[in-house]
C-alpha atoms as a PDB file:
ATOM      1  CA  MET A   1     102.410  28.881  93.264  1.00  0.00           C
ATOM      2  CA  LEU A   2     102.757  32.265  94.940  1.00  0.00           C
ATOM      3  CA  ARG A   3     104.706  30.662  97.789  1.00  0.00           C
ATOM      4  CA  THR A   4     107.244  29.131  95.366  1.00  0.00           C
ATOM      5  CA  VAL A   5     107.817  32.477  93.587  1.00  0.00           C
ATOM      6  CA  ALA A   6     108.344  34.296  96.906  1.00  0.00           C
ATOM      7  CA  THR A   7     110.859  31.670  98.056  1.00  0.00           C
ATOM      8  CA  ALA A   8     112.774  31.892  94.773  1.00  0.00           C
ATOM      9  CA  ALA A   9     112.954  35.704  95.009  1.00  0.00           C
ATOM     10  CA  ILE A  10     114.365  35.483  98.545  1.00  0.00           C
ATOM     11  CA  GLY A  11     116.998  32.954  97.408  1.00  0.00           C
ATOM     12  CA  VAL A  12     118.159  35.236  94.584  1.00  0.00           C
ATOM     13  CA  ALA A  13     118.450  38.209  96.950  1.00  0.00           C
ATOM     14  CA  MET A  14     120.526  36.145  99.381  1.00  0.00           C
ATOM     15  CA  LEU A  15     122.879  35.040  96.592  1.00  0.00           C
ATOM     16  CA  ALA A  16     123.299  38.601  95.360  1.00  0.00           C
ATOM     17  CA  ALA A  17     124.131  39.807  98.882  1.00  0.00           C
ATOM     18  CA  ALA A  18     126.597  36.953  99.364  1.00  0.00           C
ATOM     19  CA  GLY A  19     128.408  37.801  96.141  1.00  0.00           C
ATOM     20  CA  MET A  20     128.907  41.347  97.351  1.00  0.00           C
ATOM     21  CA  ALA A  21     130.546  40.348 100.673  1.00  0.00           C
ATOM     22  CA  GLN A  22     134.074  40.400  99.181  1.00  0.00           C
ATOM     23  CA  ASP A  23     134.133  43.364  96.804  1.00  0.00           C
ATOM     24  CA  TYR A  24     137.255  43.609  94.616  1.00  0.00           C
ATOM     25  CA  ARG A  25     136.012  46.970  93.286  1.00  0.00           C
ATOM     26  CA  LEU A  26     136.713  48.665  96.630  1.00  0.00           C
ATOM     27  CA  ASN A  27     140.043  50.316  97.412  1.00  0.00           C
ATOM     28  CA  PRO A  28     142.352  47.918  99.257  1.00  0.00           C
ATOM     29  CA  ILE A  29     142.818  48.548 102.978  1.00  0.00           C
ATOM     30  CA  TYR A  30     146.643  48.248 102.936  1.00  0.00           C
ATOM     31  CA  GLY A  31     147.259  49.622  99.454  1.00  0.00           C
ATOM     32  CA  THR A  32     148.280  48.518  95.993  1.00  0.00           C
ATOM     33  CA  VAL A  33     151.585  46.875  95.102  1.00  0.00           C
ATOM     34  CA  SER A  34     152.984  46.642  91.555  1.00  0.00           C
ATOM     35  CA  LEU A  35     155.612  43.939  90.977  1.00  0.00           C
ATOM     36  CA  ARG A  36     157.283  42.399  87.908  1.00  0.00           C
ATOM     37  CA  GLY A  37     158.871  38.977  87.580  1.00  0.00           C
ATOM     38  CA  GLY A  38     162.323  38.971  89.214  1.00  0.00           C
ATOM     39  CA  PHE A  39     161.326  41.591  91.823  1.00  0.00           C
ATOM     40  CA  THR A  40     163.451  42.348  94.869  1.00  0.00           C
ATOM     41  CA  PRO A  41     163.320  42.128  97.758  1.00  0.00           C
ATOM     42  CA  ASP A  42     161.881  38.639  97.638  1.00  0.00           C
ATOM     43  CA  PRO A  43     159.726  38.039  99.577  1.00  0.00           C
ATOM     44  CA  TYR A  44     157.880  41.354  99.416  1.00  0.00           C
ATOM     45  CA  VAL A  45     156.289  41.644 102.888  1.00  0.00           C
ATOM     46  CA  ILE A  46     153.246  43.663 103.983  1.00  0.00           C
ATOM     47  CA  ASN A  47     152.303  43.939 107.667  1.00  0.00           C
ATOM     48  CA  LEU A  48     148.544  43.902 108.207  1.00  0.00           C
ATOM     49  CA  GLN A  49     145.657  42.849 110.410  1.00  0.00           C
ATOM     50  CA  SER A  50     143.881  39.685 109.258  1.00  0.00           C
ATOM     51  CA  GLY A  51     140.176  39.140 109.619  1.00  0.00           C
ATOM     52  CA  GLY A  52     136.837  40.795 109.030  1.00  0.00           C
ATOM     53  CA  GLN A  53     133.109  40.275 109.420  1.00  0.00           C
ATOM     54  CA  ASN A  54     132.408  38.169 106.286  1.00  0.00           C
ATOM     55  CA  ASN A  55     132.483  34.379 106.568  1.00  0.00           C
ATOM     56  CA  ALA A  56     134.112  33.288 103.271  1.00  0.00           C
ATOM     57  CA  SER A  57     132.759  29.728 103.567  1.00  0.00           C
ATOM     58  CA  GLN A  58     129.227  31.150 103.455  1.00  0.00           C
ATOM     59  CA  THR A  59     129.821  33.849 100.836  1.00  0.00           C
ATOM     60  CA  LEU A  60     132.112  31.944  98.432  1.00  0.00           C
ATOM     61  CA  GLY A  61     131.779  28.297  99.454  1.00  0.00           C
ATOM     62  CA  GLY A  62     134.109  25.631  98.078  1.00  0.00           C
ATOM     63  CA  SER A  63     137.468  25.536  99.838  1.00  0.00           C
ATOM     64  CA  CYS A  64     137.166  29.147 101.055  1.00  0.00           C
ATOM     65  CA  ARG A  65     137.439  29.546 104.811  1.00  0.00           C
ATOM     66  CA  GLY A  66     137.863  32.264 107.393  1.00  0.00           C
ATOM     67  CA  TYR A  67     136.487  35.665 108.221  1.00  0.00           C
ATOM     68  CA  VAL A  68     137.561  38.431 105.833  1.00  0.00           C
ATOM     69  CA  ALA A  69     136.923  42.139 105.284  1.00  0.00           C
ATOM     70  CA  THR A  70     134.636  43.471 102.565  1.00  0.00           C
ATOM     71  CA  ALA A  71     137.408  45.409 100.785  1.00  0.00           C
ATOM     72  CA  PRO A  72     140.581  43.576  99.739  1.00  0.00           C
ATOM     73  CA  ASP A  73     143.480  43.864 102.149  1.00  0.00           C
ATOM     74  CA  VAL A  74     146.017  44.262  99.320  1.00  0.00           C
ATOM     75  CA  ARG A  75     145.832  44.639  95.556  1.00  0.00           C
ATOM     76  CA  LEU A  76     148.752  43.163  93.607  1.00  0.00           C
ATOM     77  CA  ASN A  77     149.318  44.273  90.018  1.00  0.00           C
ATOM     78  CA  PHE A  78     151.703  41.615  88.739  1.00  0.00           C
ATOM     79  CA  GLN A  79     153.656  41.333  85.502  1.00  0.00           C
ATOM     80  CA  ALA A  80     154.567  37.658  85.326  1.00  0.00           C
ATOM     81  CA  GLY A  81     158.035  36.426  84.478  1.00  0.00           C
ATOM     82  CA  SER A  82     159.340  32.872  84.206  1.00  0.00           C
ATOM     83  CA  LEU A  83     159.138  32.046  87.933  1.00  0.00           C
ATOM     84  CA  PRO A  84     156.143  30.939  90.014  1.00  0.00           C
ATOM     85  CA  LEU A  85     154.085  33.374  92.090  1.00  0.00           C
ATOM     86  CA  ILE A  86     153.617  32.399  95.738  1.00  0.00           C
ATOM     87  CA  ILE A  87     151.311  34.360  98.043  1.00  0.00           C
ATOM     88  CA  SER A  88     151.417  33.254 101.671  1.00  0.00           C
ATOM     89  CA  VAL A  89     150.813  34.489 105.201  1.00  0.00           C
ATOM     90  CA  ASN A  90     152.918  34.359 108.345  1.00  0.00           C
ATOM     91  CA  SER A  91     151.003  34.751 111.610  1.00  0.00           C
ATOM     92  CA  GLY A  92     150.796  33.346 115.116  1.00  0.00           C
ATOM     93  CA  THR A  93     147.041  32.996 114.528  1.00  0.00           C
ATOM     94  CA  ASP A  94     145.259  30.492 112.263  1.00  0.00           C
ATOM     95  CA  THR A  95     144.840  32.526 109.055  1.00  0.00           C
ATOM     96  CA  THR A  96     143.341  31.950 105.606  1.00  0.00           C
ATOM     97  CA  LEU A  97     143.794  33.399 102.111  1.00  0.00           C
ATOM     98  CA  VAL A  98     141.087  34.466  99.669  1.00  0.00           C
ATOM     99  CA  ILE A  99     142.291  35.812  96.317  1.00  0.00           C
ATOM    100  CA  ASN A 100     140.371  37.037  93.298  1.00  0.00           C
ATOM    101  CA  GLY A 101     142.752  36.388  90.390  1.00  0.00           C
ATOM    102  CA  PRO A 102     143.227  38.156  87.046  1.00  0.00           C
ATOM    103  CA  ASP A 103     140.974  35.526  85.464  1.00  0.00           C
ATOM    104  CA  GLY A 104     138.072  36.499  87.788  1.00  0.00           C
ATOM    105  CA  ARG A 105     138.238  33.173  89.662  1.00  0.00           C
ATOM    106  CA  TRP A 106     138.386  32.879  93.449  1.00  0.00           C
ATOM    107  CA  TYR A 107     141.385  31.027  94.935  1.00  0.00           C
ATOM    108  CA  CYS A 108     141.354  30.051  98.601  1.00  0.00           C
ATOM    109  CA  ASN A 109     143.636  28.269 101.044  1.00  0.00           C
ATOM    110  CA  ASP A 110     143.763  27.306 104.694  1.00  0.00           C
ATOM    111  CA  ASP A 111     146.919  25.704 106.170  1.00  0.00           C
ATOM    112  CA  GLY A 112     148.769  25.164 102.846  1.00  0.00           C
ATOM    113  CA  GLY A 113     151.908  26.865 104.205  1.00  0.00           C
ATOM    114  CA  ASN A 114     153.892  26.270 107.391  1.00  0.00           C
ATOM    115  CA  GLY A 115     151.754  25.263 110.378  1.00  0.00           C
ATOM    116  CA  LEU A 116     148.388  27.034 110.329  1.00  0.00           C
ATOM    117  CA  ASN A 117     149.504  29.546 107.663  1.00  0.00           C
ATOM    118  CA  PRO A 118     147.912  29.585 104.194  1.00  0.00           C
ATOM    119  CA  SER A 119     149.817  29.617 100.906  1.00  0.00           C
ATOM    120  CA  LEU A 120     148.787  29.729  97.248  1.00  0.00           C
ATOM    121  CA  ARG A 121     151.181  29.009  94.375  1.00  0.00           C
ATOM    122  CA  TRP A 122     150.824  29.586  90.644  1.00  0.00           C
ATOM    123  CA  ASN A 123     153.568  27.723  88.741  1.00  0.00           C
ATOM    124  CA  SER A 124     152.711  29.669  85.582  1.00  0.00           C
ATOM    125  CA  PRO A 125     151.253  32.884  87.022  1.00  0.00           C
ATOM    126  CA  MET A 126     148.939  35.169  85.110  1.00  0.00           C
ATOM    127  CA  SER A 127     149.797  38.819  84.635  1.00  0.00           C
ATOM    128  CA  GLY A 128     147.174  41.179  86.012  1.00  0.00           C
ATOM    129  CA  GLN A 129     145.353  42.169  89.165  1.00  0.00           C
ATOM    130  CA  TYR A 130     145.224  39.926  92.242  1.00  0.00           C
ATOM    131  CA  ASP A 131     142.904  41.134  95.023  1.00  0.00           C
ATOM    132  CA  ILE A 132     143.991  39.554  98.300  1.00  0.00           C
ATOM    133  CA  TRP A 133     142.105  39.027 101.560  1.00  0.00           C
ATOM    134  CA  VAL A 134     143.809  37.618 104.670  1.00  0.00           C
ATOM    135  CA  GLY A 135     141.250  36.027 106.960  1.00  0.00           C
ATOM    136  CA  THR A 136     141.177  34.571 110.452  1.00  0.00           C
ATOM    137  CA  TYR A 137     139.923  31.005 110.609  1.00  0.00           C
ATOM    138  CA  ALA A 138     137.818  30.702 113.743  1.00  0.00           C
ATOM    139  CA  SER A 139     136.333  34.128 114.419  1.00  0.00           C
ATOM    140  CA  ALA A 140     135.791  37.638 113.133  1.00  0.00           C
ATOM    141  CA  ARG A 141     138.517  39.068 115.382  1.00  0.00           C
ATOM    142  CA  ASN A 142     141.570  40.725 113.869  1.00  0.00           C
ATOM    143  CA  ALA A 143     145.125  39.413 114.301  1.00  0.00           C
ATOM    144  CA  ASN A 144     148.628  40.558 113.377  1.00  0.00           C
ATOM    145  CA  ALA A 145     149.873  38.964 110.162  1.00  0.00           C
ATOM    146  CA  GLN A 146     152.412  39.377 107.386  1.00  0.00           C
ATOM    147  CA  LEU A 147     151.473  38.876 103.748  1.00  0.00           C
ATOM    148  CA  HIS A 148     154.406  37.475 101.752  1.00  0.00           C
ATOM    149  CA  ILE A 149     154.568  37.800  97.968  1.00  0.00           C
ATOM    150  CA  SER A 150     157.385  35.739  96.506  1.00  0.00           C
ATOM    151  CA  GLU A 151     158.683  33.892  93.473  1.00  0.00           C
ATOM    152  CA  LEU A 152     160.938  31.706  95.619  1.00  0.00           C
ATOM    153  CA  TYR A 153     159.518  31.022  99.102  1.00  0.00           C
ATOM    154  CA  SER A 154     156.345  30.039 100.910  1.00  0.00           C
ATOM    155  CA  GLN A 155     155.657  30.839 104.558  1.00  0.00           C
END
């Protein structure tokens, strides 16, 4: 009986630590962007370094992949219009996307854009805060990347 209780307590601690790996409460590394539907220029491009020490497949599971930082790379405050919202990455390295949406859900993609680039699209986007992590697929090393926020194009 004591052994079972100890094992359960360890499992809960591991889950709590995993949930804290990507922390949307932290200040974003590359800043905050506020955009409204119909924004220009489109795409809005942010140069950054992808990657981090947290393995999203272990901390979030599901379709989440890649190594990401603890703090978001970019925070997008978005006022939706009538067009879709497309968040994608352009990089010479295999990158991934992890996004905590305004609804509190985690959205992830690997290779949904051109080549090895990720892309996420909301046809009817929510207004609110999107916390965005750009990961590297195979290792915790950083790589040059461009985050593209668009209503028209995917990378």
